PDB file of all heavy atoms in Angstrom:
ATOM      1  N   TYR A   1      -1.069   8.144 -11.295  1.00  0.00           N
ATOM      2  CA  TYR A   1      -0.604   9.459 -10.857  1.00  0.00           C
ATOM      3  C   TYR A   1       0.412   9.922 -11.892  1.00  0.00           C
ATOM      4  O   TYR A   1       1.406   9.227 -12.142  1.00  0.00           O
ATOM      5  CB  TYR A   1       0.014   9.403  -9.461  1.00  0.00           C
ATOM      6  CG  TYR A   1       0.551  10.744  -9.013  1.00  0.00           C
ATOM      7  CD1 TYR A   1      -0.318  11.756  -8.646  1.00  0.00           C
ATOM      8  CD2 TYR A   1       1.914  10.991  -8.999  1.00  0.00           C
ATOM      9  CE1 TYR A   1       0.160  13.000  -8.253  1.00  0.00           C
ATOM     10  CE2 TYR A   1       2.401  12.222  -8.599  1.00  0.00           C
ATOM     11  CZ  TYR A   1       1.521  13.222  -8.237  1.00  0.00           C
ATOM     12  OH  TYR A   1       1.992  14.460  -7.856  1.00  0.00           O
ATOM     13  N   GLU A   2       0.153  11.046 -12.519  1.00  0.00           N
ATOM     14  CA  GLU A   2       1.023  11.619 -13.549  1.00  0.00           C
ATOM     15  C   GLU A   2       1.431  10.587 -14.597  1.00  0.00           C
ATOM     16  O   GLU A   2       2.618  10.372 -14.863  1.00  0.00           O
ATOM     17  CB  GLU A   2       2.238  12.300 -12.908  1.00  0.00           C
ATOM     18  CG  GLU A   2       1.836  13.494 -12.071  1.00  0.00           C
ATOM     19  CD  GLU A   2       2.998  14.420 -11.743  1.00  0.00           C
ATOM     20  OE1 GLU A   2       4.157  14.078 -12.046  1.00  0.00           O
ATOM     21  OE2 GLU A   2       2.728  15.484 -11.191  1.00  0.00           O
ATOM     22  N   ASN A   3       0.436   9.933 -15.168  1.00  0.00           N
ATOM     23  CA  ASN A   3       0.599   8.970 -16.262  1.00  0.00           C
ATOM     24  C   ASN A   3       1.388   7.721 -15.894  1.00  0.00           C
ATOM     25  O   ASN A   3       1.851   7.002 -16.774  1.00  0.00           O
ATOM     26  CB  ASN A   3       1.220   9.645 -17.495  1.00  0.00           C
ATOM     27  CG  ASN A   3       0.318  10.716 -18.061  1.00  0.00           C
ATOM     28  OD1 ASN A   3      -0.893  10.538 -18.132  1.00  0.00           O
ATOM     29  ND2 ASN A   3       0.897  11.837 -18.439  1.00  0.00           N
ATOM     30  N   GLU A   4       1.571   7.455 -14.638  1.00  0.00           N
ATOM     31  CA  GLU A   4       2.205   6.220 -14.174  1.00  0.00           C
ATOM     32  C   GLU A   4       1.191   5.479 -13.313  1.00  0.00           C
ATOM     33  O   GLU A   4       0.360   6.087 -12.644  1.00  0.00           O
ATOM     34  CB  GLU A   4       3.454   6.515 -13.326  1.00  0.00           C
ATOM     35  CG  GLU A   4       4.558   7.216 -14.061  1.00  0.00           C
ATOM     36  CD  GLU A   4       5.411   6.278 -14.905  1.00  0.00           C
ATOM     37  OE1 GLU A   4       5.242   5.048 -14.813  1.00  0.00           O
ATOM     38  OE2 GLU A   4       6.244   6.795 -15.668  1.00  0.00           O
ATOM     39  N   ARG A   5       1.279   4.137 -13.313  1.00  0.00           N
ATOM     40  CA  ARG A   5       0.402   3.330 -12.450  1.00  0.00           C
ATOM     41  C   ARG A   5       1.151   2.976 -11.173  1.00  0.00           C
ATOM     42  O   ARG A   5       2.346   2.670 -11.197  1.00  0.00           O
ATOM     43  CB  ARG A   5      -0.020   2.042 -13.163  1.00  0.00           C
ATOM     44  CG  ARG A   5      -1.114   2.254 -14.154  1.00  0.00           C
ATOM     45  CD  ARG A   5      -1.624   0.986 -14.788  1.00  0.00           C
ATOM     46  NE  ARG A   5      -1.385  -0.190 -13.973  1.00  0.00           N
ATOM     47  CZ  ARG A   5      -1.313  -1.418 -14.447  1.00  0.00           C
ATOM     48  NH1 ARG A   5      -1.468  -1.659 -15.713  1.00  0.00           N
ATOM     49  NH2 ARG A   5      -1.092  -2.449 -13.662  1.00  0.00           N
ATOM     50  N   TYR A   6       0.411   3.015 -10.077  1.00  0.00           N
ATOM     51  CA  TYR A   6       0.962   2.679  -8.765  1.00  0.00           C
ATOM     52  C   TYR A   6       0.038   1.690  -8.076  1.00  0.00           C
ATOM     53  O   TYR A   6      -1.159   1.641  -8.358  1.00  0.00           O
ATOM     54  CB  TYR A   6       1.121   3.936  -7.895  1.00  0.00           C
ATOM     55  CG  TYR A   6       2.161   4.883  -8.439  1.00  0.00           C
ATOM     56  CD1 TYR A   6       1.827   5.870  -9.354  1.00  0.00           C
ATOM     57  CD2 TYR A   6       3.489   4.774  -8.046  1.00  0.00           C
ATOM     58  CE1 TYR A   6       2.786   6.722  -9.868  1.00  0.00           C
ATOM     59  CE2 TYR A   6       4.461   5.629  -8.556  1.00  0.00           C
ATOM     60  CZ  TYR A   6       4.093   6.594  -9.467  1.00  0.00           C
ATOM     61  OH  TYR A   6       5.056   7.432  -9.976  1.00  0.00           O
ATOM     62  N   VAL A   7       0.606   0.927  -7.157  1.00  0.00           N
ATOM     63  CA  VAL A   7      -0.177  -0.009  -6.377  1.00  0.00           C
ATOM     64  C   VAL A   7       0.084   0.282  -4.904  1.00  0.00           C
ATOM     65  O   VAL A   7       1.208   0.617  -4.508  1.00  0.00           O
ATOM     66  CB  VAL A   7       0.163  -1.476  -6.752  1.00  0.00           C
ATOM     67  CG1 VAL A   7       1.595  -1.824  -6.432  1.00  0.00           C
ATOM     68  CG2 VAL A   7      -0.791  -2.443  -6.094  1.00  0.00           C
ATOM     69  N   ALA A   8      -0.976   0.200  -4.106  1.00  0.00           N
ATOM     70  CA  ALA A   8      -0.871   0.370  -2.654  1.00  0.00           C
ATOM     71  C   ALA A   8      -1.131  -0.986  -2.013  1.00  0.00           C
ATOM     72  O   ALA A   8      -2.162  -1.616  -2.265  1.00  0.00           O
ATOM     73  CB  ALA A   8      -1.891   1.397  -2.164  1.00  0.00           C
ATOM     74  N   LEU A   9      -0.171  -1.424  -1.204  1.00  0.00           N
ATOM     75  CA  LEU A   9      -0.253  -2.714  -0.530  1.00  0.00           C
ATOM     76  C   LEU A   9      -0.032  -2.516   0.958  1.00  0.00           C
ATOM     77  O   LEU A   9       0.598  -1.547   1.384  1.00  0.00           O
ATOM     78  CB  LEU A   9       0.840  -3.664  -1.058  1.00  0.00           C
ATOM     79  CG  LEU A   9       0.924  -3.882  -2.561  1.00  0.00           C
ATOM     80  CD1 LEU A   9       2.179  -4.657  -2.907  1.00  0.00           C
ATOM     81  CD2 LEU A   9      -0.300  -4.630  -3.050  1.00  0.00           C
ATOM     82  N   VAL A  10      -0.534  -3.458   1.740  1.00  0.00           N
ATOM     83  CA  VAL A  10      -0.283  -3.472   3.174  1.00  0.00           C
ATOM     84  C   VAL A  10       0.087  -4.914   3.534  1.00  0.00           C
ATOM     85  O   VAL A  10      -0.485  -5.855   2.971  1.00  0.00           O
ATOM     86  CB  VAL A  10      -1.507  -2.961   3.975  1.00  0.00           C
ATOM     87  CG1 VAL A  10      -2.691  -3.851   3.838  1.00  0.00           C
ATOM     88  CG2 VAL A  10      -1.166  -2.727   5.416  1.00  0.00           C
ATOM     89  N   PRO A  11       1.078  -5.101   4.418  1.00  0.00           N
ATOM     90  CA  PRO A  11       1.423  -6.473   4.804  1.00  0.00           C
ATOM     91  C   PRO A  11       0.181  -7.223   5.282  1.00  0.00           C
ATOM     92  O   PRO A  11      -0.590  -6.708   6.097  1.00  0.00           O
ATOM     93  CB  PRO A  11       2.433  -6.284   5.933  1.00  0.00           C
ATOM     94  CG  PRO A  11       3.046  -4.940   5.657  1.00  0.00           C
ATOM     95  CD  PRO A  11       1.922  -4.112   5.089  1.00  0.00           C
ATOM     96  N   ALA A  12      -0.038  -8.426   4.757  1.00  0.00           N
ATOM     97  CA  ALA A  12      -1.248  -9.191   5.069  1.00  0.00           C
ATOM     98  C   ALA A  12      -1.397  -9.420   6.570  1.00  0.00           C
ATOM     99  O   ALA A  12      -2.509  -9.406   7.091  1.00  0.00           O
ATOM    100  CB  ALA A  12      -1.246 -10.523   4.320  1.00  0.00           C
ATOM    101  N   ALA A  13      -0.287  -9.590   7.262  1.00  0.00           N
ATOM    102  CA  ALA A  13      -0.342  -9.827   8.705  1.00  0.00           C
ATOM    103  C   ALA A  13      -0.849  -8.608   9.462  1.00  0.00           C
ATOM    104  O   ALA A  13      -1.308  -8.714  10.590  1.00  0.00           O
ATOM    105  CB  ALA A  13       1.045 -10.215   9.221  1.00  0.00           C
ATOM    106  N   GLN A  14      -0.788  -7.416   8.830  1.00  0.00           N
ATOM    107  CA  GLN A  14      -1.219  -6.176   9.475  1.00  0.00           C
ATOM    108  C   GLN A  14      -2.457  -5.580   8.818  1.00  0.00           C
ATOM    109  O   GLN A  14      -2.823  -4.443   9.102  1.00  0.00           O
ATOM    110  CB  GLN A  14      -0.088  -5.135   9.407  1.00  0.00           C
ATOM    111  CG  GLN A  14       1.190  -5.558  10.046  1.00  0.00           C
ATOM    112  CD  GLN A  14       2.303  -4.558   9.773  1.00  0.00           C
ATOM    113  OE1 GLN A  14       2.081  -3.481   9.260  1.00  0.00           O
ATOM    114  NE2 GLN A  14       3.516  -4.930  10.128  1.00  0.00           N
ATOM    115  N   ALA A  15      -3.114  -6.324   7.957  1.00  0.00           N
ATOM    116  CA  ALA A  15      -4.211  -5.787   7.141  1.00  0.00           C
ATOM    117  C   ALA A  15      -5.345  -5.199   7.971  1.00  0.00           C
ATOM    118  O   ALA A  15      -6.001  -4.254   7.541  1.00  0.00           O
ATOM    119  CB  ALA A  15      -4.748  -6.862   6.211  1.00  0.00           C
ATOM    120  N   ASP A  16      -5.581  -5.723   9.166  1.00  0.00           N
ATOM    121  CA  ASP A  16      -6.683  -5.219   9.990  1.00  0.00           C
ATOM    122  C   ASP A  16      -6.249  -4.094  10.923  1.00  0.00           C
ATOM    123  O   ASP A  16      -7.061  -3.566  11.675  1.00  0.00           O
ATOM    124  CB  ASP A  16      -7.286  -6.361  10.808  1.00  0.00           C
ATOM    125  CG  ASP A  16      -7.962  -7.396   9.917  1.00  0.00           C
ATOM    126  OD1 ASP A  16      -8.468  -7.007   8.842  1.00  0.00           O
ATOM    127  OD2 ASP A  16      -7.975  -8.584  10.286  1.00  0.00           O
ATOM    128  N   ASP A  17      -4.975  -3.727  10.876  1.00  0.00           N
ATOM    129  CA  ASP A  17      -4.421  -2.695  11.752  1.00  0.00           C
ATOM    130  C   ASP A  17      -4.517  -1.339  11.053  1.00  0.00           C
ATOM    131  O   ASP A  17      -3.954  -1.145   9.978  1.00  0.00           O
ATOM    132  CB  ASP A  17      -2.957  -3.038  12.073  1.00  0.00           C
ATOM    133  CG  ASP A  17      -2.314  -2.062  13.032  1.00  0.00           C
ATOM    134  OD1 ASP A  17      -2.946  -1.050  13.402  1.00  0.00           O
ATOM    135  OD2 ASP A  17      -1.151  -2.313  13.423  1.00  0.00           O
ATOM    136  N   ASP A  18      -5.239  -0.390  11.658  1.00  0.00           N
ATOM    137  CA  ASP A  18      -5.375   0.943  11.068  1.00  0.00           C
ATOM    138  C   ASP A  18      -4.048   1.673  10.984  1.00  0.00           C
ATOM    139  O   ASP A  18      -3.905   2.635  10.236  1.00  0.00           O
ATOM    140  CB  ASP A  18      -6.374   1.786  11.861  1.00  0.00           C
ATOM    141  CG  ASP A  18      -7.803   1.312  11.673  1.00  0.00           C
ATOM    142  OD1 ASP A  18      -8.081   0.628  10.673  1.00  0.00           O
ATOM    143  OD2 ASP A  18      -8.642   1.615  12.542  1.00  0.00           O
ATOM    144  N   GLU A  19      -3.069   1.246  11.754  1.00  0.00           N
ATOM    145  CA  GLU A  19      -1.752   1.878  11.779  1.00  0.00           C
ATOM    146  C   GLU A  19      -0.755   1.142  10.879  1.00  0.00           C
ATOM    147  O   GLU A  19       0.434   1.442  10.896  1.00  0.00           O
ATOM    148  CB  GLU A  19      -1.204   1.909  13.214  1.00  0.00           C
ATOM    149  CG  GLU A  19      -2.079   2.675  14.196  1.00  0.00           C
ATOM    150  CD  GLU A  19      -2.131   4.165  13.894  1.00  0.00           C
ATOM    151  OE1 GLU A  19      -1.077   4.745  13.608  1.00  0.00           O
ATOM    152  OE2 GLU A  19      -3.239   4.732  13.942  1.00  0.00           O
ATOM    153  N   ALA A  20      -1.202   0.192  10.085  1.00  0.00           N
ATOM    154  CA  ALA A  20      -0.311  -0.604   9.239  1.00  0.00           C
ATOM    155  C   ALA A  20       0.392   0.287   8.219  1.00  0.00           C
ATOM    156  O   ALA A  20      -0.172   1.266   7.715  1.00  0.00           O
ATOM    157  CB  ALA A  20      -1.094  -1.694   8.526  1.00  0.00           C
ATOM    158  N   GLU A  21       1.622  -0.067   7.916  1.00  0.00           N
ATOM    159  CA  GLU A  21       2.411   0.673   6.938  1.00  0.00           C
ATOM    160  C   GLU A  21       1.935   0.342   5.528  1.00  0.00           C
ATOM    161  O   GLU A  21       1.849  -0.824   5.155  1.00  0.00           O
ATOM    162  CB  GLU A  21       3.883   0.312   7.080  1.00  0.00           C
ATOM    163  CG  GLU A  21       4.771   1.018   6.107  1.00  0.00           C
ATOM    164  CD  GLU A  21       6.233   0.637   6.272  1.00  0.00           C
ATOM    165  OE1 GLU A  21       6.553  -0.221   7.096  1.00  0.00           O
ATOM    166  OE2 GLU A  21       7.049   1.210   5.538  1.00  0.00           O
ATOM    167  N   VAL A  22       1.628   1.372   4.752  1.00  0.00           N
ATOM    168  CA  VAL A  22       1.214   1.196   3.364  1.00  0.00           C
ATOM    169  C   VAL A  22       2.464   1.212   2.493  1.00  0.00           C
ATOM    170  O   VAL A  22       3.321   2.077   2.631  1.00  0.00           O
ATOM    171  CB  VAL A  22       0.244   2.319   2.926  1.00  0.00           C
ATOM    172  CG1 VAL A  22      -0.067   2.219   1.443  1.00  0.00           C
ATOM    173  CG2 VAL A  22      -1.026   2.265   3.749  1.00  0.00           C
ATOM    174  N   ILE A  23       2.562   0.230   1.606  1.00  0.00           N
ATOM    175  CA  ILE A  23       3.675   0.137   0.672  1.00  0.00           C
ATOM    176  C   ILE A  23       3.180   0.627  -0.681  1.00  0.00           C
ATOM    177  O   ILE A  23       2.181   0.125  -1.202  1.00  0.00           O
ATOM    178  CB  ILE A  23       4.167  -1.327   0.536  1.00  0.00           C
ATOM    179  CG1 ILE A  23       4.386  -1.982   1.890  1.00  0.00           C
ATOM    180  CG2 ILE A  23       5.377  -1.410  -0.375  1.00  0.00           C
ATOM    181  CD1 ILE A  23       5.467  -1.378   2.727  1.00  0.00           C
ATOM    182  N   LEU A  24       3.859   1.613  -1.244  1.00  0.00           N
ATOM    183  CA  LEU A  24       3.502   2.142  -2.558  1.00  0.00           C
ATOM    184  C   LEU A  24       4.597   1.766  -3.549  1.00  0.00           C
ATOM    185  O   LEU A  24       5.776   2.035  -3.307  1.00  0.00           O
ATOM    186  CB  LEU A  24       3.352   3.660  -2.505  1.00  0.00           C
ATOM    187  CG  LEU A  24       2.232   4.175  -1.611  1.00  0.00           C
ATOM    188  CD1 LEU A  24       2.338   5.673  -1.436  1.00  0.00           C
ATOM    189  CD2 LEU A  24       0.883   3.796  -2.178  1.00  0.00           C
ATOM    190  N   LEU A  25       4.196   1.146  -4.648  1.00  0.00           N
ATOM    191  CA  LEU A  25       5.136   0.714  -5.676  1.00  0.00           C
ATOM    192  C   LEU A  25       4.635   1.154  -7.044  1.00  0.00           C
ATOM    193  O   LEU A  25       3.429   1.197  -7.293  1.00  0.00           O
ATOM    194  CB  LEU A  25       5.282  -0.812  -5.661  1.00  0.00           C
ATOM    195  CG  LEU A  25       5.771  -1.425  -4.354  1.00  0.00           C
ATOM    196  CD1 LEU A  25       5.598  -2.938  -4.385  1.00  0.00           C
ATOM    197  CD2 LEU A  25       7.210  -1.053  -4.090  1.00  0.00           C
ATOM    198  N   ARG A  26       5.567   1.509  -7.933  1.00  0.00           N
ATOM    199  CA  ARG A  26       5.199   1.836  -9.315  1.00  0.00           C
ATOM    200  C   ARG A  26       5.014   0.527 -10.073  1.00  0.00           C
ATOM    201  O   ARG A  26       5.755  -0.428  -9.878  1.00  0.00           O
ATOM    202  CB  ARG A  26       6.289   2.689  -9.969  1.00  0.00           C
ATOM    203  CG  ARG A  26       5.868   3.220 -11.343  1.00  0.00           C
ATOM    204  CD  ARG A  26       6.867   4.189 -11.950  1.00  0.00           C
ATOM    205  NE  ARG A  26       8.138   3.537 -12.232  1.00  0.00           N
ATOM    206  CZ  ARG A  26       9.271   3.771 -11.583  1.00  0.00           C
ATOM    207  NH1 ARG A  26       9.305   4.634 -10.592  1.00  0.00           N
ATOM    208  NH2 ARG A  26      10.376   3.142 -11.913  1.00  0.00           N
TER     209      ARG A  26
END
């Protein structure tokens, strides 16, 4: 996004939960 790389992660314990919080990191 705008010449920077980002990663989207979700806590492994919540991976199957559609409501899990997504963590975005540069």
